[in-house]
């Protein structure tokens, strides 16, 4: 997240428009892989912001590996979200308006392993059941993309 960190040095915590990708990984049972986030201690999707010169799909692949140690054969674009509903305020005060591409990763190789300091734990969840302590932003994305009903 070097690019955003450099911008934050210049603009502080005021809202930024942040383009990024999130990656949905399903196991054989159709359960979704989520990570317990270190900043908010809730469960969220894998993903993050673009670096300069990177495509949305490249960011999805990079984030999948950096956060979970996984690689995928292909990435299927599900949808793109933007607008006022994509506002998020991090627990430390930084504010963003996300432009978020949602990808579903297919042909996964590797075993889910926490690889960076953004996640505490990785776990698969059955989306037919309420996800305890789901990140509100993740819940919004999963609802709008049609993966879950109201929890």
N, C-alpha and C. Protein backbone atom coordinates (compact mmCIF):
# COMPACT_ATOMS: atom_id res chain seq x y z
N UNK A 1 0.84 -1.19 0.00
CA UNK A 1 0.00 0.00 0.00
C UNK A 1 0.87 1.24 0.00
N UNK A 2 2.01 1.20 -0.67
CA UNK A 2 2.95 2.29 -0.70
C UNK A 2 2.39 3.59 -1.26
N UNK A 3 1.66 3.50 -2.36
CA UNK A 3 1.14 4.69 -3.01
C UNK A 3 0.19 5.46 -2.10
N UNK A 4 -0.75 4.76 -1.47
CA UNK A 4 -1.71 5.41 -0.58
C UNK A 4 -1.00 5.99 0.64
N UNK A 5 -0.02 5.26 1.16
CA UNK A 5 0.74 5.77 2.32
C UNK A 5 1.47 7.07 1.96
N UNK A 6 2.01 7.15 0.76
CA UNK A 6 2.68 8.37 0.31
C UNK A 6 1.68 9.51 0.18
N UNK A 7 0.48 9.24 -0.36
CA UNK A 7 -0.55 10.27 -0.45
C UNK A 7 -0.98 10.74 0.93
N UNK A 8 -1.09 9.81 1.88
CA UNK A 8 -1.51 10.17 3.24
C UNK A 8 -0.53 11.13 3.89
N UNK A 9 0.73 11.05 3.56
CA UNK A 9 1.73 11.99 4.10
C UNK A 9 1.42 13.41 3.63
N UNK A 10 0.82 13.54 2.47
CA UNK A 10 0.52 14.85 1.91
C UNK A 10 -0.84 15.39 2.33
N UNK A 11 -1.85 14.51 2.43
CA UNK A 11 -3.22 14.98 2.64
C UNK A 11 -3.79 14.62 4.01
N UNK A 12 -3.06 13.87 4.80
CA UNK A 12 -3.58 13.47 6.11
C UNK A 12 -4.69 12.45 5.96
N UNK A 13 -5.69 12.50 6.85
CA UNK A 13 -6.74 11.48 6.85
C UNK A 13 -7.99 11.87 6.06
N UNK A 14 -7.98 13.05 5.41
CA UNK A 14 -9.16 13.48 4.64
C UNK A 14 -9.51 12.45 3.57
N UNK A 15 -10.76 12.46 3.10
CA UNK A 15 -11.20 11.44 2.15
C UNK A 15 -10.40 11.43 0.85
N UNK A 16 -10.03 10.24 0.44
CA UNK A 16 -9.39 10.00 -0.86
C UNK A 16 -10.30 9.10 -1.68
N UNK A 17 -10.20 9.22 -3.00
CA UNK A 17 -10.82 8.24 -3.88
C UNK A 17 -9.79 7.14 -4.06
N UNK A 18 -10.16 5.92 -3.68
CA UNK A 18 -9.21 4.81 -3.70
C UNK A 18 -9.75 3.69 -4.58
N UNK A 19 -9.03 3.40 -5.66
CA UNK A 19 -9.40 2.30 -6.55
C UNK A 19 -8.72 1.03 -6.06
N UNK A 20 -9.49 -0.07 -6.08
CA UNK A 20 -8.93 -1.33 -5.62
C UNK A 20 -9.77 -2.50 -6.05
N UNK A 21 -9.35 -3.66 -5.57
CA UNK A 21 -10.01 -4.92 -5.89
C UNK A 21 -10.22 -5.73 -4.62
N UNK A 22 -11.30 -6.49 -4.60
CA UNK A 22 -11.45 -7.51 -3.57
C UNK A 22 -11.63 -8.84 -4.27
N UNK A 23 -11.19 -9.89 -3.59
CA UNK A 23 -11.15 -11.21 -4.19
C UNK A 23 -11.99 -12.17 -3.37
N UNK A 24 -12.90 -12.86 -4.04
CA UNK A 24 -13.74 -13.85 -3.40
C UNK A 24 -13.19 -15.23 -3.74
N UNK A 25 -12.89 -16.00 -2.70
CA UNK A 25 -12.36 -17.35 -2.85
C UNK A 25 -13.33 -18.30 -2.17
N UNK A 26 -13.87 -19.23 -2.94
CA UNK A 26 -14.81 -20.22 -2.40
C UNK A 26 -14.14 -21.59 -2.40
N UNK A 27 -14.40 -22.36 -1.33
CA UNK A 27 -13.90 -23.73 -1.28
C UNK A 27 -14.89 -24.67 -1.97
N UNK A 28 -14.62 -25.97 -1.93
CA UNK A 28 -15.45 -26.96 -2.60
C UNK A 28 -16.89 -26.96 -2.08
N UNK A 29 -17.09 -26.59 -0.82
CA UNK A 29 -18.42 -26.55 -0.23
C UNK A 29 -19.15 -25.24 -0.52
N UNK A 30 -18.50 -24.33 -1.24
CA UNK A 30 -19.12 -23.04 -1.54
C UNK A 30 -18.99 -22.02 -0.42
N UNK A 31 -18.11 -22.27 0.53
CA UNK A 31 -17.88 -21.33 1.63
C UNK A 31 -16.85 -20.29 1.22
N UNK A 32 -17.04 -19.06 1.69
CA UNK A 32 -16.19 -17.93 1.32
C UNK A 32 -15.05 -17.72 2.31
N UNK A 33 -13.85 -17.52 1.79
CA UNK A 33 -12.67 -17.24 2.62
C UNK A 33 -12.68 -15.77 3.03
N UNK A 34 -12.64 -15.53 4.33
CA UNK A 34 -12.54 -14.17 4.88
C UNK A 34 -11.35 -14.09 5.81
N UNK A 35 -10.88 -12.86 6.05
CA UNK A 35 -9.79 -12.67 6.99
C UNK A 35 -10.26 -11.80 8.15
N UNK A 36 -9.79 -12.14 9.34
CA UNK A 36 -10.02 -11.27 10.49
C UNK A 36 -8.99 -10.16 10.39
N UNK A 37 -9.48 -8.94 10.29
CA UNK A 37 -8.62 -7.77 10.05
C UNK A 37 -7.94 -7.31 11.35
N UNK A 38 -6.71 -6.88 11.23
CA UNK A 38 -6.00 -6.40 12.42
C UNK A 38 -6.47 -5.02 12.84
N UNK A 39 -6.96 -4.21 11.91
CA UNK A 39 -7.34 -2.84 12.27
C UNK A 39 -8.70 -2.76 12.94
N UNK A 40 -9.65 -3.59 12.52
CA UNK A 40 -11.01 -3.50 13.04
C UNK A 40 -11.46 -4.76 13.78
N UNK A 41 -10.66 -5.81 13.71
CA UNK A 41 -10.92 -7.09 14.38
C UNK A 41 -12.18 -7.79 13.89
N UNK A 42 -12.71 -7.38 12.73
CA UNK A 42 -13.87 -8.05 12.16
C UNK A 42 -13.44 -8.83 10.92
N UNK A 43 -14.39 -9.52 10.30
CA UNK A 43 -14.12 -10.38 9.16
C UNK A 43 -14.39 -9.65 7.86
N UNK A 44 -13.41 -9.63 6.96
CA UNK A 44 -13.55 -8.94 5.69
C UNK A 44 -12.98 -9.73 4.53
N UNK A 45 -13.29 -9.28 3.34
CA UNK A 45 -12.77 -9.92 2.13
C UNK A 45 -11.28 -9.62 1.98
N UNK A 46 -10.63 -10.41 1.17
CA UNK A 46 -9.25 -10.18 0.79
C UNK A 46 -9.24 -9.08 -0.26
N UNK A 47 -8.26 -8.21 -0.23
CA UNK A 47 -8.18 -7.20 -1.26
C UNK A 47 -7.48 -5.95 -0.78
N UNK A 48 -7.38 -4.99 -1.68
CA UNK A 48 -6.73 -3.74 -1.34
C UNK A 48 -6.65 -2.82 -2.53
N UNK A 49 -5.87 -1.76 -2.37
CA UNK A 49 -5.81 -0.70 -3.38
C UNK A 49 -4.78 -0.98 -4.47
N UNK A 50 -4.99 -0.33 -5.60
CA UNK A 50 -4.07 -0.42 -6.73
C UNK A 50 -2.78 0.33 -6.42
N UNK A 51 -1.71 -0.16 -6.99
CA UNK A 51 -0.45 0.56 -7.03
C UNK A 51 -0.33 1.18 -8.42
N UNK A 52 0.44 2.27 -8.58
CA UNK A 52 0.55 2.91 -9.90
C UNK A 52 0.95 1.93 -11.00
N UNK A 53 0.23 1.99 -12.12
CA UNK A 53 0.51 1.15 -13.28
C UNK A 53 -0.07 -0.24 -13.21
N UNK A 54 -0.77 -0.57 -12.14
CA UNK A 54 -1.31 -1.91 -11.94
C UNK A 54 -2.77 -1.95 -12.41
N UNK A 55 -3.17 -3.07 -13.02
CA UNK A 55 -4.57 -3.24 -13.39
C UNK A 55 -5.35 -3.74 -12.19
N UNK A 56 -6.68 -3.65 -12.28
CA UNK A 56 -7.53 -4.15 -11.20
C UNK A 56 -7.32 -5.65 -10.99
N UNK A 57 -7.20 -6.41 -12.07
CA UNK A 57 -6.97 -7.85 -11.94
C UNK A 57 -5.60 -8.14 -11.34
N UNK A 58 -4.59 -7.38 -11.73
CA UNK A 58 -3.26 -7.57 -11.14
C UNK A 58 -3.28 -7.28 -9.65
N UNK A 59 -4.03 -6.25 -9.25
CA UNK A 59 -4.15 -5.95 -7.82
C UNK A 59 -4.84 -7.09 -7.09
N UNK A 60 -5.87 -7.67 -7.69
CA UNK A 60 -6.56 -8.80 -7.08
C UNK A 60 -5.60 -9.96 -6.87
N UNK A 61 -4.80 -10.27 -7.87
CA UNK A 61 -3.84 -11.38 -7.77
C UNK A 61 -2.78 -11.09 -6.71
N UNK A 62 -2.27 -9.87 -6.70
CA UNK A 62 -1.24 -9.50 -5.72
C UNK A 62 -1.80 -9.59 -4.31
N UNK A 63 -2.98 -9.02 -4.09
CA UNK A 63 -3.59 -9.03 -2.76
C UNK A 63 -3.90 -10.45 -2.29
N UNK A 64 -4.38 -11.30 -3.21
CA UNK A 64 -4.68 -12.68 -2.85
C UNK A 64 -3.42 -13.37 -2.32
N UNK A 65 -2.31 -13.14 -3.00
CA UNK A 65 -1.05 -13.76 -2.54
C UNK A 65 -0.54 -13.10 -1.26
N UNK A 66 -0.51 -11.77 -1.22
CA UNK A 66 0.03 -11.07 -0.05
C UNK A 66 -0.75 -11.36 1.22
N UNK A 67 -2.07 -11.50 1.11
CA UNK A 67 -2.89 -11.67 2.30
C UNK A 67 -3.18 -13.12 2.67
N UNK A 68 -3.12 -14.02 1.69
CA UNK A 68 -3.50 -15.41 1.99
C UNK A 68 -2.54 -16.46 1.43
N UNK A 69 -1.49 -16.04 0.71
CA UNK A 69 -0.55 -17.01 0.17
C UNK A 69 -1.13 -17.88 -0.93
N UNK A 70 -2.19 -17.41 -1.59
CA UNK A 70 -2.87 -18.19 -2.62
C UNK A 70 -2.64 -17.59 -4.00
N UNK A 71 -2.72 -18.46 -5.01
CA UNK A 71 -2.70 -18.02 -6.41
C UNK A 71 -3.92 -18.62 -7.09
N UNK A 72 -4.35 -17.97 -8.16
CA UNK A 72 -5.51 -18.43 -8.92
C UNK A 72 -5.16 -18.51 -10.39
N UNK A 73 -5.81 -19.45 -11.07
CA UNK A 73 -5.62 -19.57 -12.52
C UNK A 73 -6.31 -18.43 -13.26
N UNK A 74 -7.53 -18.07 -12.80
CA UNK A 74 -8.29 -17.02 -13.46
C UNK A 74 -9.04 -16.18 -12.43
N UNK A 75 -9.42 -14.99 -12.87
CA UNK A 75 -10.20 -14.07 -12.05
C UNK A 75 -11.40 -13.63 -12.88
N UNK A 76 -12.59 -13.86 -12.33
CA UNK A 76 -13.82 -13.47 -13.03
C UNK A 76 -14.35 -12.19 -12.40
N UNK A 77 -14.48 -11.14 -13.20
CA UNK A 77 -15.02 -9.88 -12.71
C UNK A 77 -16.50 -10.05 -12.42
N UNK A 78 -16.91 -9.78 -11.18
CA UNK A 78 -18.31 -9.90 -10.76
C UNK A 78 -19.03 -8.58 -10.96
N UNK A 79 -18.45 -7.50 -10.43
CA UNK A 79 -19.07 -6.17 -10.53
C UNK A 79 -18.06 -5.12 -10.08
N UNK A 80 -18.43 -3.87 -10.28
CA UNK A 80 -17.64 -2.74 -9.80
C UNK A 80 -18.57 -1.83 -9.02
N UNK A 81 -18.13 -1.42 -7.83
CA UNK A 81 -18.91 -0.52 -6.98
C UNK A 81 -18.20 0.82 -6.86
N UNK A 82 -19.01 1.89 -6.77
CA UNK A 82 -18.49 3.23 -6.51
C UNK A 82 -19.64 4.08 -5.97
N UNK A 83 -19.32 5.28 -5.54
CA UNK A 83 -20.36 6.19 -5.08
C UNK A 83 -20.38 6.35 -3.57
N UNK A 84 -21.37 7.08 -3.07
CA UNK A 84 -21.40 7.43 -1.64
C UNK A 84 -21.50 6.22 -0.71
N UNK A 85 -22.12 5.13 -1.18
CA UNK A 85 -22.21 3.94 -0.33
C UNK A 85 -20.86 3.25 -0.14
N UNK A 86 -19.87 3.64 -0.91
CA UNK A 86 -18.55 3.03 -0.82
C UNK A 86 -17.60 3.83 0.09
N UNK A 87 -18.18 4.77 0.83
CA UNK A 87 -17.39 5.52 1.82
C UNK A 87 -17.02 4.59 2.97
N UNK A 88 -15.77 4.72 3.45
CA UNK A 88 -15.33 3.93 4.60
C UNK A 88 -14.37 4.77 5.44
N UNK A 89 -14.57 4.72 6.73
CA UNK A 89 -13.64 5.38 7.65
C UNK A 89 -12.94 4.29 8.45
N UNK A 90 -11.64 4.21 8.30
CA UNK A 90 -10.84 3.23 9.02
C UNK A 90 -10.82 3.57 10.51
N UNK A 91 -10.62 2.57 11.36
CA UNK A 91 -10.59 2.84 12.81
C UNK A 91 -9.56 3.90 13.21
N UNK A 92 -8.48 4.05 12.45
CA UNK A 92 -7.45 5.04 12.78
C UNK A 92 -7.76 6.43 12.23
N UNK A 93 -8.90 6.57 11.52
CA UNK A 93 -9.36 7.89 11.09
C UNK A 93 -9.24 8.20 9.61
N UNK A 94 -8.46 7.44 8.84
CA UNK A 94 -8.35 7.70 7.40
C UNK A 94 -9.71 7.43 6.74
N UNK A 95 -10.06 8.31 5.80
CA UNK A 95 -11.34 8.19 5.10
C UNK A 95 -11.11 7.95 3.61
N UNK A 96 -11.95 7.09 3.01
CA UNK A 96 -11.85 6.79 1.59
C UNK A 96 -13.24 6.64 0.97
N UNK A 97 -13.30 6.96 -0.31
CA UNK A 97 -14.43 6.60 -1.16
C UNK A 97 -13.86 5.57 -2.13
N UNK A 98 -14.26 4.33 -1.96
CA UNK A 98 -13.71 3.23 -2.75
C UNK A 98 -14.36 3.12 -4.11
N UNK A 99 -13.56 2.81 -5.10
CA UNK A 99 -14.00 2.30 -6.38
C UNK A 99 -13.48 0.87 -6.37
N UNK A 100 -14.39 -0.09 -6.22
CA UNK A 100 -13.99 -1.46 -5.92
C UNK A 100 -14.45 -2.44 -6.99
N UNK A 101 -13.47 -3.13 -7.59
CA UNK A 101 -13.77 -4.23 -8.51
C UNK A 101 -13.82 -5.51 -7.69
N UNK A 102 -14.88 -6.28 -7.86
CA UNK A 102 -15.04 -7.53 -7.12
C UNK A 102 -14.77 -8.68 -8.09
N UNK A 103 -13.79 -9.51 -7.74
CA UNK A 103 -13.42 -10.66 -8.55
C UNK A 103 -13.68 -11.95 -7.80
N UNK A 104 -14.04 -12.98 -8.54
CA UNK A 104 -14.09 -14.32 -7.98
C UNK A 104 -12.89 -15.08 -8.55
N UNK A 105 -12.05 -15.60 -7.66
CA UNK A 105 -10.86 -16.33 -8.07
C UNK A 105 -11.22 -17.79 -8.33
N UNK A 106 -10.70 -18.33 -9.41
CA UNK A 106 -10.96 -19.73 -9.80
C UNK A 106 -9.63 -20.46 -9.96
N UNK A 107 -9.65 -21.77 -9.70
CA UNK A 107 -8.44 -22.58 -9.85
C UNK A 107 -7.39 -22.21 -8.81
N UNK A 108 -7.78 -22.23 -7.57
CA UNK A 108 -6.91 -21.81 -6.47
C UNK A 108 -5.82 -22.85 -6.20
N UNK A 109 -4.60 -22.37 -6.00
CA UNK A 109 -3.50 -23.22 -5.55
C UNK A 109 -2.91 -22.63 -4.28
N UNK A 110 -2.47 -23.53 -3.40
CA UNK A 110 -1.90 -23.13 -2.13
C UNK A 110 -2.88 -23.37 -1.00
N UNK A 111 -2.42 -23.17 0.21
CA UNK A 111 -3.24 -23.28 1.41
C UNK A 111 -3.34 -21.91 2.05
N UNK A 112 -4.55 -21.51 2.46
CA UNK A 112 -4.70 -20.18 3.07
C UNK A 112 -3.78 -20.01 4.28
N UNK A 113 -2.92 -18.99 4.20
CA UNK A 113 -1.96 -18.70 5.25
C UNK A 113 -1.87 -17.19 5.41
N UNK A 114 -1.97 -16.70 6.64
CA UNK A 114 -1.80 -15.26 6.88
C UNK A 114 -0.37 -14.90 6.50
N UNK A 115 -0.25 -13.94 5.57
CA UNK A 115 1.07 -13.60 5.02
C UNK A 115 1.54 -12.19 5.36
N UNK A 116 0.67 -11.35 5.90
CA UNK A 116 1.08 -9.97 6.18
C UNK A 116 0.46 -9.52 7.50
N UNK A 117 0.67 -8.26 7.82
CA UNK A 117 0.19 -7.74 9.11
C UNK A 117 -1.23 -7.19 9.03
N UNK A 118 -1.92 -7.37 7.89
CA UNK A 118 -3.30 -6.88 7.75
C UNK A 118 -4.32 -7.87 8.29
N UNK A 119 -3.93 -9.13 8.41
CA UNK A 119 -4.87 -10.15 8.85
C UNK A 119 -4.35 -10.92 10.05
N UNK A 120 -5.28 -11.32 10.92
CA UNK A 120 -4.95 -12.13 12.09
C UNK A 120 -5.24 -13.60 11.85
N UNK A 121 -6.24 -13.87 11.01
CA UNK A 121 -6.73 -15.24 10.83
C UNK A 121 -7.47 -15.32 9.51
N UNK A 122 -7.47 -16.49 8.89
CA UNK A 122 -8.24 -16.76 7.69
C UNK A 122 -9.19 -17.91 7.99
N UNK A 123 -10.42 -17.79 7.49
CA UNK A 123 -11.41 -18.84 7.75
C UNK A 123 -12.47 -18.82 6.65
N UNK A 124 -12.98 -20.02 6.31
CA UNK A 124 -14.08 -20.12 5.35
C UNK A 124 -15.40 -20.02 6.10
N UNK A 125 -16.37 -19.30 5.50
CA UNK A 125 -17.68 -19.11 6.10
C UNK A 125 -18.77 -19.55 5.12
N UNK A 126 -19.78 -20.22 5.66
CA UNK A 126 -20.98 -20.59 4.92
C UNK A 126 -21.86 -19.34 4.84
N UNK A 127 -22.06 -18.82 3.65
CA UNK A 127 -22.83 -17.58 3.49
C UNK A 127 -24.34 -17.78 3.65
N UNK A 128 -24.76 -19.03 3.84
CA UNK A 128 -26.17 -19.28 4.17
C UNK A 128 -26.43 -19.05 5.65
N UNK A 129 -25.39 -18.84 6.41
CA UNK A 129 -25.47 -18.55 7.84
C UNK A 129 -24.93 -17.14 8.08
N UNK A 130 -25.42 -16.44 9.10
CA UNK A 130 -24.86 -15.12 9.41
C UNK A 130 -23.37 -15.22 9.74
N UNK A 131 -22.59 -14.32 9.20
CA UNK A 131 -21.15 -14.27 9.51
C UNK A 131 -20.99 -13.41 10.75
N UNK A 132 -20.47 -13.99 11.85
CA UNK A 132 -20.31 -13.18 13.07
C UNK A 132 -19.24 -12.12 12.85
N UNK A 133 -19.48 -10.94 13.37
CA UNK A 133 -18.51 -9.85 13.32
C UNK A 133 -18.03 -9.54 11.91
N UNK A 134 -18.97 -9.53 10.96
CA UNK A 134 -18.61 -9.21 9.58
C UNK A 134 -18.36 -7.71 9.47
N UNK A 135 -17.34 -7.35 8.71
CA UNK A 135 -17.04 -5.95 8.45
C UNK A 135 -18.23 -5.33 7.70
N UNK A 136 -18.74 -4.18 8.13
CA UNK A 136 -19.92 -3.59 7.47
C UNK A 136 -19.71 -3.34 5.98
N UNK A 137 -18.54 -2.96 5.60
CA UNK A 137 -18.23 -2.71 4.20
C UNK A 137 -18.28 -4.03 3.41
N UNK A 138 -17.72 -5.08 3.98
CA UNK A 138 -17.77 -6.40 3.35
C UNK A 138 -19.20 -6.87 3.23
N UNK A 139 -19.99 -6.69 4.27
CA UNK A 139 -21.39 -7.09 4.24
C UNK A 139 -22.12 -6.36 3.11
N UNK A 140 -21.88 -5.07 2.97
CA UNK A 140 -22.51 -4.28 1.91
C UNK A 140 -22.16 -4.85 0.53
N UNK A 141 -20.87 -5.10 0.30
CA UNK A 141 -20.41 -5.61 -0.99
C UNK A 141 -21.03 -6.97 -1.28
N UNK A 142 -21.03 -7.86 -0.29
CA UNK A 142 -21.59 -9.20 -0.50
C UNK A 142 -23.10 -9.16 -0.74
N UNK A 143 -23.81 -8.25 -0.07
CA UNK A 143 -25.25 -8.10 -0.31
C UNK A 143 -25.51 -7.59 -1.72
N UNK A 144 -24.83 -6.51 -2.08
CA UNK A 144 -25.06 -5.89 -3.39
C UNK A 144 -24.66 -6.80 -4.54
N UNK A 145 -23.67 -7.67 -4.32
CA UNK A 145 -23.25 -8.60 -5.35
C UNK A 145 -24.11 -9.87 -5.38
N UNK A 146 -25.06 -9.97 -4.42
CA UNK A 146 -26.01 -11.07 -4.40
C UNK A 146 -25.53 -12.34 -3.71
N UNK A 147 -24.48 -12.24 -2.92
CA UNK A 147 -23.95 -13.43 -2.24
C UNK A 147 -24.62 -13.70 -0.90
N UNK A 148 -25.14 -12.66 -0.26
CA UNK A 148 -25.84 -12.86 1.03
C UNK A 148 -27.10 -12.01 1.08
N UNK A 149 -28.00 -12.42 1.95
CA UNK A 149 -29.20 -11.65 2.28
C UNK A 149 -28.86 -10.79 3.50
N UNK A 150 -29.78 -9.96 3.96
CA UNK A 150 -29.55 -9.16 5.15
C UNK A 150 -29.26 -10.07 6.32
N UNK A 151 -28.25 -9.66 7.11
CA UNK A 151 -27.87 -10.47 8.28
C UNK A 151 -28.39 -9.86 9.55
